[in-house]
Each structure stands twice: as C-alpha cells, then as structure tokens.
Protein backbone atom coordinates (compact mmCIF):
# COMPACT_ATOMS: atom_id res chain seq x y z
CA UNK A 1 23.08 -8.08 14.76
CA UNK A 2 25.15 -9.29 17.71
CA UNK A 3 26.93 -5.93 17.63
CA UNK A 4 23.61 -4.10 17.96
CA UNK A 5 22.55 -6.36 20.84
CA UNK A 6 25.84 -5.79 22.67
CA UNK A 7 25.67 -2.01 22.14
CA UNK A 8 22.12 -1.98 23.43
CA UNK A 9 23.10 -4.08 26.47
CA UNK A 10 25.92 -1.69 27.27
CA UNK A 11 23.66 1.34 26.89
CA UNK A 12 25.64 2.69 23.94
CA UNK A 13 22.78 2.46 21.43
CA UNK A 14 19.05 3.10 21.67
CA UNK A 15 16.40 0.44 21.21
CA UNK A 16 15.30 2.25 18.04
CA UNK A 17 18.45 1.28 16.16
CA UNK A 18 18.17 -2.34 17.27
CA UNK A 19 14.52 -2.51 16.24
CA UNK A 20 15.24 -0.94 12.85
CA UNK A 21 18.15 -3.25 12.21
CA UNK A 22 16.10 -6.36 12.91
CA UNK A 23 13.08 -5.07 10.93
CA UNK A 24 15.35 -4.36 7.97
CA UNK A 25 17.00 -7.77 8.17
CA UNK A 26 13.59 -9.45 8.18
CA UNK A 27 12.35 -7.53 5.13
CA UNK A 28 15.53 -8.31 3.21
CA UNK A 29 15.03 -12.03 3.85
CA UNK A 30 11.36 -12.27 2.80
CA UNK A 31 10.48 -15.51 1.04
CA UNK A 32 7.34 -17.44 0.15
CA UNK A 33 6.16 -19.27 3.26
CA UNK A 34 6.01 -22.96 2.37
CA UNK A 35 4.45 -23.83 5.73
CA UNK A 36 1.59 -21.37 5.65
CA UNK A 37 -1.13 -20.82 3.09
CA UNK A 38 -4.18 -18.58 2.98
CA UNK A 39 -7.45 -20.42 2.49
CA UNK A 40 -8.55 -20.28 -1.15
CA UNK A 41 -11.93 -18.50 -1.21
CA UNK A 42 -12.11 -16.50 -4.43
CA UNK A 43 -13.29 -17.93 -7.73
CA UNK A 44 -11.76 -15.03 -9.63
CA UNK A 45 -8.76 -12.76 -9.21
CA UNK A 46 -7.94 -11.06 -5.89
CA UNK A 47 -7.95 -7.28 -6.45
CA UNK A 48 -7.39 -5.79 -3.01
CA UNK A 49 -6.13 -6.64 0.49
CA UNK A 50 -6.07 -4.75 3.78
CA UNK A 51 -4.77 -5.66 7.25
CA UNK A 52 -6.34 -3.88 10.20
CA UNK A 53 -3.83 -1.54 11.88
CA UNK A 54 -4.94 -2.08 15.49
CA UNK A 55 -3.66 -5.63 16.11
CA UNK A 56 -2.43 -6.58 12.65
CA UNK A 57 -4.38 -9.81 13.02
CA UNK A 58 -7.34 -9.65 10.63
CA UNK A 59 -7.13 -9.28 6.85
CA UNK A 60 -9.77 -8.41 4.26
CA UNK A 61 -9.70 -9.45 0.62
CA UNK A 62 -11.89 -8.33 -2.26
CA UNK A 63 -12.14 -10.13 -5.56
CA UNK A 64 -13.24 -9.82 -9.15
CA UNK A 65 -16.08 -12.20 -8.22
CA UNK A 66 -17.61 -9.52 -5.97
CA UNK A 67 -16.85 -11.50 -2.80
CA UNK A 68 -15.27 -10.07 0.37
CA UNK A 69 -13.44 -12.43 2.75
CA UNK A 70 -12.22 -11.84 6.31
CA UNK A 71 -9.19 -13.90 7.43
CA UNK A 72 -7.57 -14.51 10.80
CA UNK A 73 -3.77 -14.36 10.39
CA UNK A 74 -2.95 -15.46 13.93
CA UNK A 75 -1.92 -19.03 14.77
CA UNK A 76 -2.93 -20.85 17.92
CA UNK A 77 -1.67 -24.28 16.86
CA UNK A 78 2.04 -24.03 17.85
CA UNK A 79 2.91 -25.89 14.64
CA UNK A 80 4.78 -24.27 11.73
CA UNK A 81 2.42 -25.70 9.11
CA UNK A 82 -0.96 -24.02 9.13
CA UNK A 83 -3.64 -22.35 7.04
CA UNK A 84 -4.88 -18.79 7.58
CA UNK A 85 -8.57 -19.56 7.85
CA UNK A 86 -11.41 -17.47 6.50
CA UNK A 87 -13.58 -16.42 9.44
CA UNK A 88 -16.49 -15.25 7.29
CA UNK A 89 -17.32 -13.83 3.88
CA UNK A 90 -19.81 -11.67 2.06
CA UNK A 91 -20.53 -14.27 -0.58
CA UNK A 92 -22.92 -14.82 -3.47
CA UNK A 93 -25.75 -15.75 -1.11
CA UNK A 94 -25.52 -12.52 0.87
CA UNK A 95 -28.34 -10.07 0.05
CA UNK A 96 -25.96 -7.10 -0.09
CA UNK A 97 -23.04 -8.69 -1.92
CA UNK A 98 -21.39 -6.51 -4.58
CA UNK A 99 -22.73 -7.30 -8.04
CA UNK A 100 -19.41 -6.72 -9.81
CA UNK A 101 -15.68 -6.66 -9.09
CA UNK A 102 -14.59 -5.36 -5.68
CA UNK A 103 -11.74 -2.89 -6.29
CA UNK A 104 -10.90 -1.67 -2.77
CA UNK A 105 -11.45 -2.90 0.79
CA UNK A 106 -10.30 -1.02 3.88
CA UNK A 107 -10.70 -1.38 7.61
CA UNK A 108 -11.94 1.55 9.64
CA UNK A 109 -8.57 2.83 10.91
CA UNK A 110 -9.41 3.08 14.61
CA UNK A 111 -11.10 -0.28 15.37
CA UNK A 112 -12.14 -3.53 13.70
CA UNK A 113 -15.88 -3.04 14.19
CA UNK A 114 -16.34 -1.62 10.73
CA UNK A 115 -14.88 -1.98 7.25
CA UNK A 116 -15.52 -0.49 3.81
CA UNK A 117 -15.65 -1.79 0.25
CA UNK A 118 -16.14 -0.29 -3.20
CA UNK A 119 -16.90 -1.89 -6.52
CA UNK A 120 -17.55 -1.61 -10.23
CA UNK A 121 -21.24 -1.84 -9.30
CA UNK A 122 -20.94 1.93 -8.61
CA UNK A 123 -21.28 1.64 -4.84
CA UNK A 124 -19.24 2.25 -1.70
CA UNK A 125 -20.48 0.13 1.20
CA UNK A 126 -19.90 0.48 4.94
CA UNK A 127 -20.13 -2.84 6.84
CA UNK A 128 -20.64 -3.85 10.46
CA UNK A 129 -17.92 -6.48 10.97
CA UNK A 130 -19.70 -8.48 13.67
CA UNK A 131 -23.02 -8.88 11.87
CA UNK A 132 -21.76 -8.54 8.26
CA UNK A 133 -24.71 -6.21 7.70
CA UNK A 134 -24.69 -2.95 5.77
CA UNK A 135 -24.45 0.18 7.89
CA UNK A 136 -24.43 2.59 4.94
CA UNK A 137 -24.21 2.61 1.15
CA UNK A 138 -23.16 5.41 -1.21
CA UNK A 139 -24.16 5.35 -4.88
CA UNK A 140 -22.21 6.93 -7.75
CA UNK A 141 -22.67 7.55 -11.47
CA UNK A 142 -19.74 5.40 -12.59
CA UNK A 143 -17.48 2.52 -11.62
CA UNK A 144 -15.63 3.05 -8.34
CA UNK A 145 -11.88 2.47 -8.81
CA UNK A 146 -10.58 3.44 -5.39
CA UNK A 147 -11.54 4.81 -1.99
CA UNK A 148 -9.57 5.66 1.14
CA UNK A 149 -10.13 6.74 4.75
CA UNK A 150 -7.51 8.86 6.47
CA UNK A 151 -5.33 6.67 8.74
CA UNK A 152 -5.01 9.38 11.40
CA UNK A 153 -7.95 11.80 11.09
CA UNK A 154 -9.94 12.38 14.26
CA UNK A 155 -11.62 15.66 13.29
CA UNK A 156 -13.37 14.28 10.20
CA UNK A 157 -14.65 10.96 8.86
CA UNK A 158 -14.34 11.71 5.15
CA UNK A 159 -13.90 8.93 2.60
CA UNK A 160 -12.25 10.00 -0.65
CA UNK A 161 -13.66 8.16 -3.66
CA UNK A 162 -12.24 7.90 -7.19
CA UNK A 163 -14.70 6.92 -9.92
CA UNK A 164 -15.12 6.99 -13.68
CA UNK A 165 -16.27 10.58 -13.19
CA UNK A 166 -13.33 13.07 -13.16
CA UNK A 167 -14.71 14.66 -10.00
CA UNK A 168 -13.29 13.29 -6.73
CA UNK A 169 -16.10 12.57 -4.29
CA UNK A 170 -15.85 13.11 -0.53
CA UNK A 171 -18.34 11.08 1.53
CA UNK A 172 -18.94 11.71 5.23
CA UNK A 173 -19.46 8.68 7.48
CA UNK A 174 -21.16 10.79 10.14
CA UNK A 175 -23.81 12.36 7.93
CA UNK A 176 -24.10 9.51 5.42
CA UNK A 177 -23.95 11.91 2.49
CA UNK A 178 -21.51 13.20 -0.12
CA UNK A 179 -20.27 16.44 1.42
CA UNK A 180 -18.53 17.97 -1.60
CA UNK A 181 -16.49 17.26 -4.70
CA UNK A 182 -12.99 18.15 -5.86
CA UNK A 183 -12.85 19.34 -9.47
CA UNK A 184 -9.75 19.52 -11.61
CA UNK A 185 -9.07 16.15 -13.26
CA UNK A 186 -10.08 15.58 -16.88
CA UNK A 187 -10.17 11.78 -16.78
CA UNK A 188 -11.36 8.97 -14.55
CA UNK A 189 -9.81 8.98 -11.07
CA UNK A 190 -7.97 5.68 -10.64
CA UNK A 191 -6.41 6.08 -7.18
CA UNK A 192 -6.86 8.22 -4.06
CA UNK A 193 -4.75 8.32 -0.90
CA UNK A 194 -4.83 10.43 2.28
CA UNK A 195 -1.55 11.61 3.77
CA UNK A 196 -0.40 9.78 6.93
CA UNK A 197 1.07 13.09 8.08
CA UNK A 198 -1.82 15.56 7.77
CA UNK A 199 -5.55 15.02 8.37
CA UNK A 200 -6.66 17.09 5.40
CA UNK A 201 -4.09 16.42 2.64
CA UNK A 202 -5.26 14.11 -0.15
CA UNK A 203 -3.49 12.82 -3.26
CA UNK A 204 -5.41 11.75 -6.37
CA UNK A 205 -4.25 10.09 -9.60
CA UNK A 206 -6.09 10.02 -12.90
CA UNK A 207 -6.16 8.66 -16.42
CA UNK A 208 -5.38 12.23 -17.55
CA UNK A 209 -1.71 11.60 -16.55
CA UNK A 210 -2.01 13.98 -13.61
CA UNK A 211 -1.47 13.64 -9.87
CA UNK A 212 -2.98 16.34 -7.68
CA UNK A 213 -2.48 17.24 -4.04
CA UNK A 214 -5.46 18.79 -2.23
CA UNK A 215 -6.20 20.42 1.09
CA UNK A 216 -9.85 19.45 1.37
CA UNK A 217 -10.58 22.45 3.62
CA UNK A 218 -9.94 24.79 0.68
CA UNK A 219 -12.50 25.27 -2.04
CA UNK A 220 -10.22 27.09 -4.48
CA UNK A 221 -8.87 24.04 -6.29
CA UNK A 222 -5.90 21.79 -5.67
CA UNK A 223 -2.68 22.73 -3.91
CA UNK A 224 -0.38 21.31 -6.58
CA UNK A 225 -0.45 19.41 -9.86
CA UNK A 226 2.76 17.37 -9.94
CA UNK A 227 5.12 17.96 -12.85
CA UNK A 228 7.60 15.25 -13.81
CA UNK A 229 9.86 17.90 -15.45
CA UNK A 230 9.86 20.14 -12.35
CA UNK A 231 8.87 23.09 -14.54
CA UNK A 232 11.99 22.90 -16.71
CA UNK A 233 10.42 21.71 -19.96
CA UNK A 234 8.49 24.89 -20.51
CA UNK A 235 8.82 27.91 -18.28
CA UNK A 236 5.49 29.18 -19.53
CA UNK A 237 3.58 25.96 -18.75
CA UNK A 238 0.68 26.22 -16.34
CA UNK A 239 -0.47 23.79 -13.67
CA UNK A 240 -3.20 22.63 -16.03
CA UNK A 241 -0.60 21.18 -18.43
CA UNK A 242 1.59 19.50 -15.79
CA UNK A 243 1.77 15.71 -16.01
CA UNK A 244 3.21 13.24 -13.52
CA UNK A 245 3.52 10.38 -16.04
CA UNK A 246 3.38 9.87 -19.77
CA UNK A 247 0.27 7.71 -19.46
CA UNK A 248 -2.47 6.80 -17.04
CA UNK A 249 -1.51 7.17 -13.37
CA UNK A 250 -3.07 4.21 -11.57
CA UNK A 251 -1.21 3.89 -8.27
CA UNK A 252 -0.45 6.13 -5.27
CA UNK A 253 1.25 5.46 -1.95
CA UNK A 254 2.68 7.83 0.64
CA UNK A 255 5.82 6.85 2.49
CA UNK A 256 5.18 5.89 6.11
CA UNK A 257 6.28 9.33 7.36
CA UNK A 258 4.17 11.15 4.76
CA UNK A 259 7.13 13.22 3.54
CA UNK A 260 7.14 11.63 0.09
CA UNK A 261 4.63 10.25 -2.39
CA UNK A 262 5.20 7.32 -4.75
CA UNK A 263 3.28 7.06 -8.03
CA UNK A 264 3.12 4.42 -10.79
CA UNK A 265 1.83 4.85 -14.32
CA UNK A 266 1.29 2.98 -17.56
CA UNK A 267 4.48 4.57 -18.91
CA UNK A 268 6.21 1.77 -16.97
CA UNK A 269 7.69 4.23 -14.50
CA UNK A 270 7.54 4.75 -10.75
CA UNK A 271 8.31 8.21 -9.38
CA UNK A 272 9.07 9.62 -5.93
CA UNK A 273 7.81 13.10 -5.08
CA UNK A 274 8.43 15.49 -2.21
CA UNK A 275 4.90 15.81 -0.81
CA UNK A 276 5.54 19.29 0.62
CA UNK A 277 7.03 20.96 -2.46
CA UNK A 278 5.65 18.67 -5.19
CA UNK A 279 9.15 18.23 -6.60
CA UNK A 280 10.06 15.14 -8.61
CA UNK A 281 13.08 13.69 -6.76
CA UNK A 282 14.27 12.02 -10.00
CA UNK A 283 14.97 8.66 -8.34
CA UNK A 284 15.40 6.09 -11.11
CA UNK A 285 13.72 2.73 -10.43
CA UNK A 286 14.15 1.48 -13.99
CA UNK A 287 11.25 -0.10 -15.84
CA UNK A 288 8.24 -0.93 -13.65
CA UNK A 289 5.93 -2.88 -15.96
CA UNK A 290 2.33 -1.70 -15.68
CA UNK A 291 -0.41 -2.00 -18.28
CA UNK A 292 -3.39 -2.23 -15.94
CA UNK A 293 -6.57 -0.41 -16.89
CA UNK A 294 -7.50 -0.22 -13.20
CA UNK A 295 -5.72 0.77 -10.00
CA UNK A 296 -2.54 -0.91 -8.76
CA UNK A 297 -2.29 -1.50 -5.00
CA UNK A 298 1.34 -1.34 -3.86
CA UNK A 299 2.77 -0.76 -0.40
CA UNK A 300 5.75 0.44 1.63
CA UNK A 301 7.59 -0.91 4.67
CA UNK A 302 7.48 0.61 8.14
CA UNK A 303 10.24 0.86 10.75
CA UNK A 304 13.14 -0.07 8.45
CA UNK A 305 16.29 1.80 7.49
CA UNK A 306 16.35 2.27 4.58
CA UNK A 307 12.62 2.02 3.85
CA UNK A 308 11.37 -0.23 1.04
CA UNK A 309 8.55 -0.30 -1.48
CA UNK A 310 6.85 -3.48 -2.76
CA UNK A 311 5.49 -3.15 -6.31
CA UNK A 312 3.49 -5.74 -8.34
CA UNK A 313 5.39 -6.48 -11.55
CA UNK A 314 3.55 -8.93 -13.83
CA UNK A 315 3.40 -12.20 -11.82
CA UNK A 316 6.12 -11.09 -9.37
CA UNK A 317 6.69 -8.41 -6.71
CA UNK A 318 9.74 -6.15 -6.95
CA UNK A 319 11.38 -4.85 -3.79
CA UNK A 320 13.14 -1.47 -4.07
CA UNK A 321 14.80 0.91 -1.65
CA UNK A 322 12.58 3.98 -1.77
CA UNK A 323 15.14 6.78 -1.79
CA UNK A 324 17.95 5.12 -3.75
CA UNK A 325 15.83 3.24 -6.28
CA UNK A 326 17.90 0.05 -5.88
CA UNK A 327 16.11 -3.17 -6.78
CA UNK A 328 16.85 -5.52 -3.89
CA UNK A 329 14.95 -8.68 -4.78
CA UNK A 330 12.12 -10.23 -6.78
CA UNK A 331 9.43 -12.29 -5.02
CA UNK A 332 8.19 -15.13 -7.23
CA UNK A 333 5.30 -17.47 -6.47
CA UNK A 334 2.16 -16.36 -8.29
CA UNK A 335 1.07 -17.88 -11.60
CA UNK A 336 -0.63 -14.76 -12.99
CA UNK A 337 -0.46 -10.99 -12.66
CA UNK A 338 -0.23 -9.64 -9.09
CA UNK A 339 -2.91 -7.01 -8.39
CA UNK A 340 -2.15 -5.98 -4.82
CA UNK A 341 0.12 -6.41 -1.83
CA UNK A 342 -0.07 -5.30 1.79
CA UNK A 343 2.65 -5.08 4.46
CA UNK A 344 2.20 -6.35 8.03
CA UNK A 345 4.59 -4.15 10.07
CA UNK A 346 4.30 -6.02 13.39
CA UNK A 347 6.08 -9.11 12.02
CA UNK A 348 7.49 -7.71 8.74
CA UNK A 349 5.32 -10.00 6.62
CA UNK A 350 3.87 -9.38 3.17
CA UNK A 351 0.62 -10.67 1.66
CA UNK A 352 -0.18 -10.48 -2.05
CA UNK A 353 -3.24 -11.13 -4.21
CA UNK A 354 -3.25 -12.14 -7.85
CA UNK A 355 -5.37 -12.95 -10.88
CA UNK A 356 -4.57 -16.60 -10.10
CA UNK A 357 -7.15 -16.34 -7.22
CA UNK A 358 -4.47 -16.94 -4.58
CA UNK A 359 -3.39 -14.89 -1.58
CA UNK A 360 0.25 -15.68 -0.75
CA UNK A 361 2.14 -15.05 2.50
CA UNK A 362 5.78 -13.89 2.39
CA UNK A 363 7.67 -14.17 5.68
CA UNK A 364 11.23 -13.52 6.90
CA UNK A 365 13.55 -16.47 6.43
CA UNK A 366 15.08 -18.19 9.43
CA UNK A 367 18.59 -17.08 10.26
CA UNK A 368 21.35 -19.03 8.53
CA UNK A 369 24.16 -20.28 10.80
CA UNK A 370 27.50 -18.52 10.55
CA UNK A 371 30.17 -20.44 8.61
CA UNK A 372 32.81 -22.37 10.53
CA UNK A 373 35.59 -20.33 8.95
CA UNK A 374 35.57 -17.17 11.11
CA UNK A 375 37.78 -15.19 8.80
CA UNK A 376 37.10 -11.55 7.98
CA UNK A 377 36.24 -12.55 4.43
CA UNK A 378 33.56 -15.03 5.42
CA UNK A 379 32.01 -12.61 7.92
CA UNK A 380 31.72 -9.91 5.27
CA UNK A 381 29.95 -12.32 2.91
CA UNK A 382 27.37 -13.15 5.53
CA UNK A 383 26.60 -9.62 6.68
CA UNK A 384 27.12 -7.45 3.61
CA UNK A 385 23.95 -6.41 1.79
CA UNK A 386 23.65 -3.45 -0.58
CA UNK A 387 20.62 -2.07 1.25
CA UNK A 388 22.61 -1.80 4.48
CA UNK A 389 25.37 0.37 3.03
CA UNK A 390 25.38 3.74 4.81
CA UNK A 391 22.03 2.79 6.39
CA UNK A 392 22.98 3.33 10.04
CA UNK A 393 23.71 6.89 11.03
CA UNK A 394 23.39 8.96 14.16
CA UNK A 395 20.22 10.53 12.76
CA UNK A 396 18.47 7.16 13.12
CA UNK A 397 18.50 7.57 16.88
CA UNK A 398 15.92 10.34 16.64
CA UNK A 399 13.28 7.67 16.06
C-alpha cells in the first residue's frame, strides 16, 4: 500500500488504482465486528436486507415475522463500541403490516423518501419513509418471492415482480397498475433482477431450471434463455429446452458493471454468464450448498480488483473472486442458515441476515503492524494474497 501511496504522490499512478487497492485490501480483511451490533428487532428469521445507495447510511430489513425495520448505520458517538439502532419499524401494531413473511425490501434507488416491500401475503407495497404510510399496494394471485426496481432507470418506473405464477409481472409506480406481463417460464419465478448497465434489460430465474434475459420494450418473448451447456449437448435443442441449472434457480445478481450475471441453483452450483451473449463462462466455484425453497439474496463487491461475490452457505458466507472462482475466505458468526447479505461500498462493509433472527456487521480488520524482521521473506508473507496475484494491470487505470 505504501508503494501505491508513493506512486500517487509522485504522479506516476492514478487515484483509481490507489482506491481499488485499498478497497480490495479492506474486503479481503473482513471480519465479524465485535464492537458493533445491529439492534435485535425480529422475532423470526431475517429474509432480506437493503442499504440505500444515496448515502449508504440507512438499512432496511424484512423478516419471516412480517416486520420491516429501518436502521441507522452511522455512528455519532466517537466510541468503537456501539449499536446500530432501529429508527422505526412497520410492526405488528401497524394497520398495513404484512400478514406473512417479507421476502424482499428495496429502497427507491434515487432517494430515501420511499421504499418497497413484498411478501407471501401476495402483495407488493410502496411506503412513504417519513410517515411509514402506504403510498400504493399491488395485489397478486400467488406468493411474491422477489421484486426489483432498476438501479439506474430514469425513463421508466417499472417494478419487476416474481410470484408463484410463472408470468413475470411489471408494475408501474407512476400509473399504479400492472402494465404488462412477461410469459415464458413454466414454474414459479423465484428471483428477478434489472441490469445495472441497461434501463430495459431484466433477468428472471425460475423453479423450471431456466434463467431468461428480457428487453421489456419487446413483446415478442425473451432475448435469451441461458444454456449451461452452451448449445453443445444437443445441436438440435431449442431455447425452450435450455436450462441454466439442474434444479430450481433461486438467486440472481449482476456484476457491478452489468457485463456478467451470477446465478445460484439447488444443484449446489453457482454460474457466471456473459450477459451480452448469454454464454456460460464455465467458471468453477465448487459446491455452493443451496436447498432453499425460496430466493437466495447474495451480493457482489464494488470498486475492487478483482471483484468478489458474497454467497450464503448454510450458516456461513463464502467469499469468492468472481472471474477466477477462487474461494478466498469463509465468514462465520451466525447460528443458523444465512438468508441474505448486502454490501456497503462506501466503507467496504457487509451485513447479513439469518434464520437466527440476527443481523451481523462484517467490517475490515485494522491493519497489522509490519514485523520487525524487514527481510524479503517476511515482507512477502505480509503482502502476498492469492486474490492480488495479477490483479493490478495497466487496464485498471481506465477506471
């Protein structure tokens, strides 16, 4: 790190490389924060978390008890030991509380004045943050597994919704109605995710083992149905027979640049796809244990080199390099299965929710002092990490 600082001071390197180096170091040193806890508010498992992207200060949680909690992650106390307090909650006494398990919560991407929630009570609800009152509610025929608003769209306010019905619903915040549906899946839709690269590209995952990419402006069906064999198993196979996993596909996440899509399925596999061509990149992550009947909420890093993915694995969280598939570390601290995790890119922190009712904070470790012995051998032990190998290249300067 001193080398990066000196190069930056001398004008040899750009600030981008320095920022990426420090962000990567912080992610590689993540550990359970023993000085900070998140106030225990849920009586049942925590299913979903979301941190607002504007300031990175406020976090939502949704639980199997139907409760939604809003936390303040910022500290004003100047002391290392603190509790992330719950500012407010939509609890059992609230007239509009969800009747069953909350599966997804999400902030409105452009400001903190509004957030959304969906539940097994077959509803998607739009909330006014300041008053905690309902602004809109959408009703569906079956359980709602997942919903998502585009993180960058300015020309539309569509919410993609995955339910027990194989048809993907698109709801419009402006009109307050379901604008149209996307037909093609043959099983319940367990996860939906908008691309962070294009306003109109949507990925959907289903219990029918398929992952589909859509351009929602086109009415003639999906763009691609992902094929884990890249068309080599049977040259005569059609898109209708393509499968992304040998089992239910219950998790989706685009990489931060939107160029690739990660999927997880109940075949205990995670796959990386080229989002432009639909090609399976064949990165091998090994076994990724997953027997959930619902959606899995996993997340990726931002501003690192290489980039990382955080995946719930039983009661732990596995950290992999996205493009090499190398397992870097295992985060242990929960007492039951982890349902969700969310990355805070401003400070490279991670928050996770579990069936044990807890939300845990994972933060970068403090720097360890260099050893007294300044030999080449000791320096290499301190600085060498497999994720850093071949990580810094001239292409990183493009930012």
